[in-house]
Amino acid sequence: MSYTTLAMPSKHPRIAVTADPELGDALARVRAATGTREADATLLRRLAVEGAEAELEAGRNRREAAEALFEAMDSEQFDLDLEAIDRLNAPPAA
């Protein structure tokens, strides 16, 4: 018995993704919103790459917002009543 190895269109390894209903719905929503006619694999790859960048940017924005908040707190630009916050977050008295 012999096996023939076919050349792959890419030198990079492939990743298997299960095409379950949730993924199908997500791709359909993107297609409906954007009008793209990309093949599933092409669309999925683009969304993964763009989604990764969006997630990294969201993390940077959260860090910048936290740094700005701490800077405002350090420079006493607003009064923060930590005891009142603790009271609001405390469980109700039994």
N, C-alpha and C. Protein backbone atom coordinates (compact mmCIF):
# COMPACT_ATOMS: atom_id res chain seq x y z
N MET A 1 0.85 -1.17 0.00
CA MET A 1 0.00 0.00 0.00
C MET A 1 0.90 1.24 0.00
N SER A 2 0.58 2.20 -0.84
CA SER A 2 1.37 3.43 -0.88
C SER A 2 0.46 4.62 -0.67
N TYR A 3 1.03 5.64 -0.13
CA TYR A 3 0.29 6.88 0.13
C TYR A 3 0.94 8.00 -0.67
N THR A 4 0.13 8.85 -1.20
CA THR A 4 0.63 10.00 -1.94
C THR A 4 0.42 11.24 -1.08
N THR A 5 1.47 12.00 -0.91
CA THR A 5 1.37 13.23 -0.15
C THR A 5 1.09 14.37 -1.11
N LEU A 6 0.00 15.05 -0.89
CA LEU A 6 -0.35 16.19 -1.72
C LEU A 6 0.25 17.46 -1.13
N ALA A 7 0.67 18.35 -1.98
CA ALA A 7 1.21 19.62 -1.52
C ALA A 7 0.09 20.46 -0.91
N MET A 8 0.39 21.07 0.23
CA MET A 8 -0.59 21.94 0.87
C MET A 8 -0.39 23.35 0.32
N PRO A 9 -1.46 24.16 0.24
CA PRO A 9 -1.33 25.50 -0.29
C PRO A 9 -0.57 26.45 0.63
N SER A 10 -0.20 25.99 1.80
CA SER A 10 0.54 26.83 2.74
C SER A 10 1.58 26.00 3.45
N LYS A 11 2.69 26.62 3.81
CA LYS A 11 3.72 25.91 4.57
C LYS A 11 3.40 25.89 6.05
N HIS A 12 2.35 26.59 6.44
CA HIS A 12 1.97 26.68 7.85
C HIS A 12 1.00 25.57 8.23
N PRO A 13 1.09 25.11 9.47
CA PRO A 13 0.14 24.06 9.89
C PRO A 13 -1.29 24.60 9.94
N ARG A 14 -2.22 23.71 9.81
CA ARG A 14 -3.64 24.08 9.85
C ARG A 14 -4.20 23.89 11.25
N ILE A 15 -5.30 24.59 11.52
CA ILE A 15 -5.99 24.47 12.80
C ILE A 15 -7.41 23.99 12.50
N ALA A 16 -7.83 22.94 13.16
CA ALA A 16 -9.19 22.45 12.97
C ALA A 16 -10.15 23.23 13.85
N VAL A 17 -11.23 23.69 13.26
CA VAL A 17 -12.27 24.41 13.99
C VAL A 17 -13.60 23.71 13.67
N THR A 18 -14.35 23.38 14.70
CA THR A 18 -15.63 22.72 14.49
C THR A 18 -16.67 23.73 14.02
N ALA A 19 -17.29 23.44 12.92
CA ALA A 19 -18.31 24.33 12.35
C ALA A 19 -19.65 24.03 13.02
N ASP A 20 -19.78 24.42 14.28
CA ASP A 20 -21.01 24.17 15.02
C ASP A 20 -22.02 25.29 14.73
N PRO A 21 -23.25 25.16 15.18
CA PRO A 21 -24.28 26.17 14.89
C PRO A 21 -23.91 27.57 15.39
N GLU A 22 -23.25 27.66 16.53
CA GLU A 22 -22.87 28.97 17.06
C GLU A 22 -21.90 29.68 16.12
N LEU A 23 -20.91 28.95 15.61
CA LEU A 23 -19.97 29.53 14.65
C LEU A 23 -20.68 29.90 13.36
N GLY A 24 -21.54 29.03 12.89
CA GLY A 24 -22.30 29.31 11.68
C GLY A 24 -23.14 30.57 11.82
N ASP A 25 -23.79 30.73 12.97
CA ASP A 25 -24.60 31.93 13.22
C ASP A 25 -23.73 33.18 13.26
N ALA A 26 -22.57 33.07 13.89
CA ALA A 26 -21.67 34.22 13.98
C ALA A 26 -21.20 34.64 12.59
N LEU A 27 -20.81 33.69 11.77
CA LEU A 27 -20.38 34.01 10.41
C LEU A 27 -21.52 34.60 9.60
N ALA A 28 -22.72 34.07 9.78
CA ALA A 28 -23.89 34.59 9.06
C ALA A 28 -24.18 36.03 9.48
N ARG A 29 -24.04 36.33 10.77
CA ARG A 29 -24.28 37.71 11.24
C ARG A 29 -23.26 38.67 10.64
N VAL A 30 -22.01 38.24 10.55
CA VAL A 30 -20.98 39.10 9.95
C VAL A 30 -21.28 39.31 8.48
N ARG A 31 -21.64 38.26 7.80
CA ARG A 31 -21.95 38.38 6.36
C ARG A 31 -23.14 39.33 6.15
N ALA A 32 -24.17 39.20 6.99
CA ALA A 32 -25.35 40.06 6.85
C ALA A 32 -25.00 41.52 7.13
N ALA A 33 -24.13 41.75 8.10
CA ALA A 33 -23.78 43.12 8.47
C ALA A 33 -22.81 43.77 7.49
N THR A 34 -21.94 42.97 6.89
CA THR A 34 -20.87 43.55 6.05
C THR A 34 -21.04 43.28 4.56
N GLY A 35 -21.84 42.29 4.22
CA GLY A 35 -21.99 41.94 2.81
C GLY A 35 -20.82 41.17 2.23
N THR A 36 -19.90 40.71 3.09
CA THR A 36 -18.74 39.97 2.59
C THR A 36 -19.17 38.65 1.98
N ARG A 37 -18.43 38.24 0.98
CA ARG A 37 -18.68 36.96 0.32
C ARG A 37 -17.48 36.03 0.48
N GLU A 38 -16.65 36.30 1.47
CA GLU A 38 -15.46 35.48 1.72
C GLU A 38 -15.86 34.05 2.08
N ALA A 39 -15.02 33.11 1.72
CA ALA A 39 -15.22 31.72 2.13
C ALA A 39 -15.13 31.64 3.65
N ASP A 40 -15.75 30.62 4.23
CA ASP A 40 -15.76 30.48 5.69
C ASP A 40 -14.36 30.57 6.28
N ALA A 41 -13.43 29.79 5.74
CA ALA A 41 -12.08 29.75 6.31
C ALA A 41 -11.40 31.11 6.21
N THR A 42 -11.58 31.80 5.10
CA THR A 42 -10.96 33.11 4.90
C THR A 42 -11.56 34.12 5.87
N LEU A 43 -12.89 34.11 6.00
CA LEU A 43 -13.56 35.02 6.91
C LEU A 43 -13.17 34.74 8.36
N LEU A 44 -13.12 33.46 8.72
CA LEU A 44 -12.75 33.09 10.08
C LEU A 44 -11.34 33.54 10.41
N ARG A 45 -10.41 33.36 9.49
CA ARG A 45 -9.03 33.79 9.72
C ARG A 45 -8.96 35.30 9.90
N ARG A 46 -9.65 36.05 9.03
CA ARG A 46 -9.63 37.51 9.13
C ARG A 46 -10.23 37.97 10.46
N LEU A 47 -11.34 37.37 10.85
CA LEU A 47 -11.97 37.75 12.12
C LEU A 47 -11.07 37.42 13.31
N ALA A 48 -10.36 36.31 13.25
CA ALA A 48 -9.45 35.95 14.34
C ALA A 48 -8.31 36.96 14.46
N VAL A 49 -7.71 37.33 13.33
CA VAL A 49 -6.60 38.28 13.35
C VAL A 49 -7.09 39.66 13.81
N GLU A 50 -8.20 40.12 13.24
CA GLU A 50 -8.73 41.43 13.63
C GLU A 50 -9.25 41.42 15.07
N GLY A 51 -9.86 40.31 15.47
CA GLY A 51 -10.35 40.19 16.84
C GLY A 51 -9.23 40.20 17.86
N ALA A 52 -8.12 39.57 17.53
CA ALA A 52 -6.97 39.57 18.44
C ALA A 52 -6.45 41.00 18.63
N GLU A 53 -6.36 41.75 17.55
CA GLU A 53 -5.90 43.14 17.65
C GLU A 53 -6.90 43.98 18.45
N ALA A 54 -8.19 43.77 18.23
CA ALA A 54 -9.20 44.51 18.97
C ALA A 54 -9.13 44.20 20.47
N GLU A 55 -8.90 42.93 20.80
CA GLU A 55 -8.79 42.54 22.21
C GLU A 55 -7.56 43.16 22.86
N LEU A 56 -6.44 43.17 22.14
CA LEU A 56 -5.23 43.78 22.68
C LEU A 56 -5.42 45.28 22.88
N GLU A 57 -6.08 45.94 21.93
CA GLU A 57 -6.33 47.38 22.06
C GLU A 57 -7.27 47.65 23.23
N ALA A 58 -8.28 46.82 23.42
CA ALA A 58 -9.19 46.98 24.54
C ALA A 58 -8.43 46.88 25.86
N GLY A 59 -7.49 45.94 25.94
CA GLY A 59 -6.66 45.81 27.15
C GLY A 59 -5.82 47.05 27.37
N ARG A 60 -5.23 47.58 26.29
CA ARG A 60 -4.44 48.82 26.43
C ARG A 60 -5.32 49.96 26.91
N ASN A 61 -6.53 50.05 26.36
CA ASN A 61 -7.45 51.12 26.76
C ASN A 61 -7.85 50.99 28.23
N ARG A 62 -8.07 49.75 28.70
CA ARG A 62 -8.41 49.55 30.12
C ARG A 62 -7.26 49.98 31.01
N ARG A 63 -6.02 49.62 30.60
CA ARG A 63 -4.86 50.01 31.41
C ARG A 63 -4.71 51.53 31.43
N GLU A 64 -4.89 52.18 30.28
CA GLU A 64 -4.78 53.64 30.22
C GLU A 64 -5.85 54.30 31.07
N ALA A 65 -7.07 53.76 31.06
CA ALA A 65 -8.15 54.32 31.87
C ALA A 65 -7.83 54.16 33.36
N ALA A 66 -7.30 52.99 33.75
CA ALA A 66 -6.95 52.78 35.15
C ALA A 66 -5.83 53.72 35.57
N GLU A 67 -4.84 53.90 34.69
CA GLU A 67 -3.74 54.81 35.01
C GLU A 67 -4.25 56.24 35.15
N ALA A 68 -5.16 56.66 34.28
CA ALA A 68 -5.73 58.00 34.37
C ALA A 68 -6.52 58.17 35.66
N LEU A 69 -7.26 57.12 36.06
CA LEU A 69 -8.02 57.18 37.30
C LEU A 69 -7.08 57.31 38.50
N PHE A 70 -6.02 56.49 38.53
CA PHE A 70 -5.08 56.57 39.64
C PHE A 70 -4.38 57.92 39.68
N GLU A 71 -4.06 58.46 38.51
CA GLU A 71 -3.42 59.77 38.44
C GLU A 71 -4.36 60.85 39.00
N ALA A 72 -5.63 60.77 38.62
CA ALA A 72 -6.61 61.74 39.14
C ALA A 72 -6.77 61.60 40.65
N MET A 73 -6.75 60.35 41.14
CA MET A 73 -6.86 60.13 42.59
C MET A 73 -5.64 60.68 43.30
N ASP A 74 -4.45 60.45 42.74
CA ASP A 74 -3.22 60.92 43.37
C ASP A 74 -3.13 62.44 43.39
N SER A 75 -3.67 63.09 42.36
CA SER A 75 -3.58 64.55 42.30
C SER A 75 -4.79 65.21 42.94
N GLU A 76 -5.63 64.39 43.62
CA GLU A 76 -6.80 64.87 44.35
C GLU A 76 -7.73 65.70 43.47
N GLN A 77 -7.94 65.24 42.23
CA GLN A 77 -8.84 65.93 41.31
C GLN A 77 -10.31 65.65 41.63
N PHE A 78 -10.55 64.64 42.44
CA PHE A 78 -11.92 64.39 42.88
C PHE A 78 -11.87 63.69 44.22
N ASP A 79 -12.96 63.82 44.95
CA ASP A 79 -13.04 63.25 46.29
C ASP A 79 -13.71 61.89 46.19
N LEU A 80 -13.05 60.87 46.69
CA LEU A 80 -13.56 59.52 46.63
C LEU A 80 -13.82 59.05 48.06
N ASP A 81 -15.08 58.77 48.36
CA ASP A 81 -15.47 58.34 49.70
C ASP A 81 -15.45 56.80 49.74
N LEU A 82 -14.30 56.24 50.12
CA LEU A 82 -14.15 54.79 50.13
C LEU A 82 -15.09 54.12 51.13
N GLU A 83 -15.37 54.78 52.26
CA GLU A 83 -16.28 54.19 53.25
C GLU A 83 -17.70 54.08 52.67
N ALA A 84 -18.13 55.08 51.92
CA ALA A 84 -19.45 55.02 51.29
C ALA A 84 -19.51 53.90 50.26
N ILE A 85 -18.44 53.72 49.50
CA ILE A 85 -18.38 52.64 48.51
C ILE A 85 -18.45 51.29 49.21
N ASP A 86 -17.73 51.16 50.34
CA ASP A 86 -17.76 49.91 51.10
C ASP A 86 -19.18 49.64 51.60
N ARG A 87 -19.87 50.66 52.06
CA ARG A 87 -21.25 50.49 52.54
C ARG A 87 -22.17 50.03 51.41
N LEU A 88 -21.99 50.59 50.24
CA LEU A 88 -22.81 50.22 49.09
C LEU A 88 -22.56 48.78 48.65
N ASN A 89 -21.33 48.32 48.79
CA ASN A 89 -20.96 46.97 48.37
C ASN A 89 -21.13 45.91 49.45
N ALA A 90 -21.46 46.33 50.66
CA ALA A 90 -21.59 45.39 51.78
C ALA A 90 -22.85 44.56 51.60
N PRO A 91 -22.79 43.29 52.02
CA PRO A 91 -24.01 42.46 51.94
C PRO A 91 -25.07 43.02 52.90
N PRO A 92 -26.33 42.80 52.56
CA PRO A 92 -27.40 43.32 53.44
C PRO A 92 -27.30 42.70 54.83
N ALA A 93 -27.65 43.51 55.82
CA ALA A 93 -27.62 43.03 57.20
C ALA A 93 -28.73 42.00 57.40
N ALA A 94 -28.40 40.95 58.15
CA ALA A 94 -29.38 39.87 58.36
C ALA A 94 -30.44 40.25 59.35
